[in-house]
Amino acid sequence: MSRISAVLIVKNERQNIVDCLSDLHWVDDIVVLDTGSEDDTAALAEQSGARVFHQEQWEGFGKAKQEATNLALYDWILSIDADERLSPELQEELISLKDRDFEGKAWQIKRLSYYLGKPIRFCGWQNDKPLRLFNRKYGGFNDKTVHESIKVSQEKALCKGLIYHNTYPDTAIHFRKMRLYAELSRNNMPSHIFPCEPEIRATFKFIKMYLIKLGFLDGYHGFLLCKNSAWGIWYKYRLCHR
C-alpha cells in the first residue's frame, strides 16, 4: 500500500474548505498552501487536519501548485481545488487503487462542473478529465501562470468516478475569475492586435461553445455560460488593445 498526500492552494475559501477536506479522510497527508487569504480559511483547514503553509510571493498557479507538491510528505500526490468534491464512488475507487500502489500509473479524473448550480454536460466541458493523481518522482506542474497542468512520464489511466466541480455558483465569481485570469495572462499575450480582434474572437468563442460544442443542449444556463465566457475572451484581448 502506498501513502499519498493531497495538495491544495487556496485563497479566501472559507465557504468550501471544510467540505472539500472532509472528502480526503482516506489520504495520509493534506497540504494546504494559502496564497493570501483575508478570511479564516487557514484556521479552518488546520482544524480539519491539514498542514497549512503560507506563500510568501505569488508567481502564478503553476508555481504555487508545485510548491504545495514539494511540501507534501509522500511522493504520490492528489491535486484538488477547494471548490471540488470527490464523489463517493471516486473515493472508493481511489482507496482501492491506493491498496494496489495506484498500479504505478498517473490518473486522470473526469469532472462534472456546475454553473450557477446547474450541472453542465456540454459547452465543451463534457471532455474535462484533468490529470490529478501522480507520483512526483516522475513529474509535476508546469510554470504556467494560469491554465497550469501536470506533466509526467508515467503511464496514464482514467478513473471511473467523478469530481464534482462547483466552479461558478454565481456570475460575480465568474466575472471576477475571468478578470483575474486575463490580467495574469497579459504578459503572454501578443503586444499588438487588430482593432476588431476582441469582438471577433469573442464571437467565435460563443459559436464554438454554444453551437459546435452543443452548449444549447444545456438550456438557459448553457447560454449564460457561453455568453459570459465570450465576454471573458473579449476582455482578455481588449486589455492588449489598450
Foldseek 3Di string as FASTA:
>chain_A
DFAEEEEEEDAQLPVQQLQALVQVPLHDAYEYEYAYHPDCNQVSNVVSPHDYHYDDDQQADQVSRVVRCVPDPGQKYFYDYRQKHWDPVRSVVVSVCVVVVVVQAFEWAQEFEDALRHTQCWLPNVPDTAGGIHGPVFWGWDSQRPPIHIDGPGHYDYDPTYMYGDDHNDVVSVVVVLVVVLVSCQVVDDLDDDPCVLVVQLVVQLCCRVPVRVLCVSPPSSNVVSNVVSVSSSVSVVVSHD
